[in-house]
Amino acid sequence: KVITYASRQLKVHEKNYPTHDLELAAVVFALKIWRHYLYGVDVDVFTDHKSLQYVFNQKDLNLCQRRCLELLKYYDMSFL
């Protein structure tokens, strides 16, 4: 059951991001909007982009990915 939707346009610098970084940025965008509902709760993220499931195990991350993962570590999340 869908409770709400959110969207926004890409910023100028985000138009050059690869797809997996855009998917990660979308998760961060959603967490920032609904952080007061999601903090301290188990969150399941449903995605069809498989690289998001493996981003936590990568050794070499770019700055954008490290910044996003820094925010994600405060949430109890699992990517499905």
C-alpha atoms as a PDB file:
ATOM      1  CA  LYS A   1       0.000   0.000   0.000  1.00  0.00           C
ATOM      2  CA  VAL A   2       1.521   3.292  -1.085  1.00  0.00           C
ATOM      3  CA  ILE A   3       1.246   6.074   1.454  1.00  0.00           C
ATOM      4  CA  THR A   4       3.014   8.896  -0.361  1.00  0.00           C
ATOM      5  CA  TYR A   5       5.148   9.750  -3.388  1.00  0.00           C
ATOM      6  CA  ALA A   6       8.013  12.202  -3.810  1.00  0.00           C
ATOM      7  CA  SER A   7      10.057  13.362  -6.757  1.00  0.00           C
ATOM      8  CA  ARG A   8      12.388  16.098  -7.865  1.00  0.00           C
ATOM      9  CA  GLN A   9      14.366  17.095 -10.928  1.00  0.00           C
ATOM     10  CA  LEU A  10      18.026  16.261 -11.238  1.00  0.00           C
ATOM     11  CA  LYS A  11      20.427  19.045 -10.385  1.00  0.00           C
ATOM     12  CA  VAL A  12      22.888  20.154 -13.049  1.00  0.00           C
ATOM     13  CA  HIS A  13      25.815  18.204 -11.613  1.00  0.00           C
ATOM     14  CA  GLU A  14      23.687  15.073 -11.051  1.00  0.00           C
ATOM     15  CA  LYS A  15      22.935  14.723 -14.757  1.00  0.00           C
ATOM     16  CA  ASN A  16      26.448  13.352 -15.244  1.00  0.00           C
ATOM     17  CA  TYR A  17      26.171  10.731 -12.474  1.00  0.00           C
ATOM     18  CA  PRO A  18      26.192   7.050 -13.438  1.00  0.00           C
ATOM     19  CA  THR A  19      22.973   5.116 -12.911  1.00  0.00           C
ATOM     20  CA  HIS A  20      24.038   3.379  -9.705  1.00  0.00           C
ATOM     21  CA  ASP A  21      24.913   6.734  -8.102  1.00  0.00           C
ATOM     22  CA  LEU A  22      21.522   8.143  -9.104  1.00  0.00           C
ATOM     23  CA  GLU A  23      19.775   5.156  -7.525  1.00  0.00           C
ATOM     24  CA  LEU A  24      21.773   5.668  -4.337  1.00  0.00           C
ATOM     25  CA  ALA A  25      20.979   9.388  -4.353  1.00  0.00           C
ATOM     26  CA  ALA A  26      17.270   8.570  -4.669  1.00  0.00           C
ATOM     27  CA  VAL A  27      17.436   6.452  -1.515  1.00  0.00           C
ATOM     28  CA  VAL A  28      19.216   9.263   0.323  1.00  0.00           C
ATOM     29  CA  PHE A  29      16.618  11.765  -0.927  1.00  0.00           C
ATOM     30  CA  ALA A  30      13.807   9.596   0.448  1.00  0.00           C
ATOM     31  CA  LEU A  31      15.555   9.136   3.790  1.00  0.00           C
ATOM     32  CA  LYS A  32      16.055  12.873   4.172  1.00  0.00           C
ATOM     33  CA  ILE A  33      12.377  13.591   3.496  1.00  0.00           C
ATOM     34  CA  TRP A  34      10.961  10.898   5.789  1.00  0.00           C
ATOM     35  CA  ARG A  35      13.766  10.656   8.348  1.00  0.00           C
ATOM     36  CA  HIS A  36      11.444  11.369  11.270  1.00  0.00           C
ATOM     37  CA  TYR A  37       9.352   8.317  10.286  1.00  0.00           C
ATOM     38  CA  LEU A  38      12.201   5.991   9.295  1.00  0.00           C
ATOM     39  CA  TYR A  39      14.827   6.584  11.975  1.00  0.00           C
ATOM     40  CA  GLY A  40      14.976   3.637  14.369  1.00  0.00           C
ATOM     41  CA  VAL A  41      12.695   1.468  12.223  1.00  0.00           C
ATOM     42  CA  ASP A  42      13.674  -1.474  10.006  1.00  0.00           C
ATOM     43  CA  VAL A  43      13.504  -0.208   6.425  1.00  0.00           C
ATOM     44  CA  ASP A  44      13.301  -2.449   3.351  1.00  0.00           C
ATOM     45  CA  VAL A  45      14.379  -0.780   0.118  1.00  0.00           C
ATOM     46  CA  PHE A  46      12.985  -2.482  -2.973  1.00  0.00           C
ATOM     47  CA  THR A  47      15.087  -1.870  -6.063  1.00  0.00           C
ATOM     48  CA  ASP A  48      15.648  -3.537  -9.396  1.00  0.00           C
ATOM     49  CA  HIS A  49      19.163  -2.125  -9.612  1.00  0.00           C
ATOM     50  CA  LYS A  50      21.401  -4.923  -8.313  1.00  0.00           C
ATOM     51  CA  SER A  51      24.512  -2.788  -7.814  1.00  0.00           C
ATOM     52  CA  LEU A  52      22.895  -1.104  -4.807  1.00  0.00           C
ATOM     53  CA  GLN A  53      22.882  -4.429  -2.993  1.00  0.00           C
ATOM     54  CA  TYR A  54      26.669  -4.683  -3.339  1.00  0.00           C
ATOM     55  CA  VAL A  55      27.725  -1.083  -2.757  1.00  0.00           C
ATOM     56  CA  PHE A  56      28.376  -1.786   0.933  1.00  0.00           C
ATOM     57  CA  ASN A  57      30.997  -4.433   0.078  1.00  0.00           C
ATOM     58  CA  GLN A  58      33.025  -2.351  -2.379  1.00  0.00           C
ATOM     59  CA  LYS A  59      36.535  -1.307  -1.421  1.00  0.00           C
ATOM     60  CA  ASP A  60      36.901   1.684  -3.727  1.00  0.00           C
ATOM     61  CA  LEU A  61      34.112   4.247  -3.523  1.00  0.00           C
ATOM     62  CA  ASN A  62      33.933   7.710  -4.997  1.00  0.00           C
ATOM     63  CA  LEU A  63      33.192  10.756  -2.864  1.00  0.00           C
ATOM     64  CA  CYS A  64      29.468  10.775  -3.650  1.00  0.00           C
ATOM     65  CA  GLN A  65      29.093   7.117  -2.685  1.00  0.00           C
ATOM     66  CA  ARG A  66      31.034   7.579   0.555  1.00  0.00           C
ATOM     67  CA  ARG A  67      28.865  10.559   1.496  1.00  0.00           C
ATOM     68  CA  CYS A  68      25.669   8.605   0.839  1.00  0.00           C
ATOM     69  CA  LEU A  69      26.878   5.569   2.777  1.00  0.00           C
ATOM     70  CA  GLU A  70      27.797   7.809   5.685  1.00  0.00           C
ATOM     71  CA  LEU A  71      24.143   8.850   5.922  1.00  0.00           C
ATOM     72  CA  LEU A  72      22.792   5.329   5.350  1.00  0.00           C
ATOM     73  CA  LYS A  73      24.744   3.811   8.227  1.00  0.00           C
ATOM     74  CA  TYR A  74      22.423   5.505  10.737  1.00  0.00           C
ATOM     75  CA  TYR A  75      19.385   3.600   9.440  1.00  0.00           C
ATOM     76  CA  ASP A  76      18.429  -0.052   9.792  1.00  0.00           C
ATOM     77  CA  MET A  77      18.098  -0.816   6.083  1.00  0.00           C
ATOM     78  CA  SER A  78      18.146  -3.805   3.812  1.00  0.00           C
ATOM     79  CA  PHE A  79      18.133  -3.664   0.021  1.00  0.00           C
ATOM     80  CA  LEU A  80      15.841  -6.220  -1.601  1.00  0.00           C
END
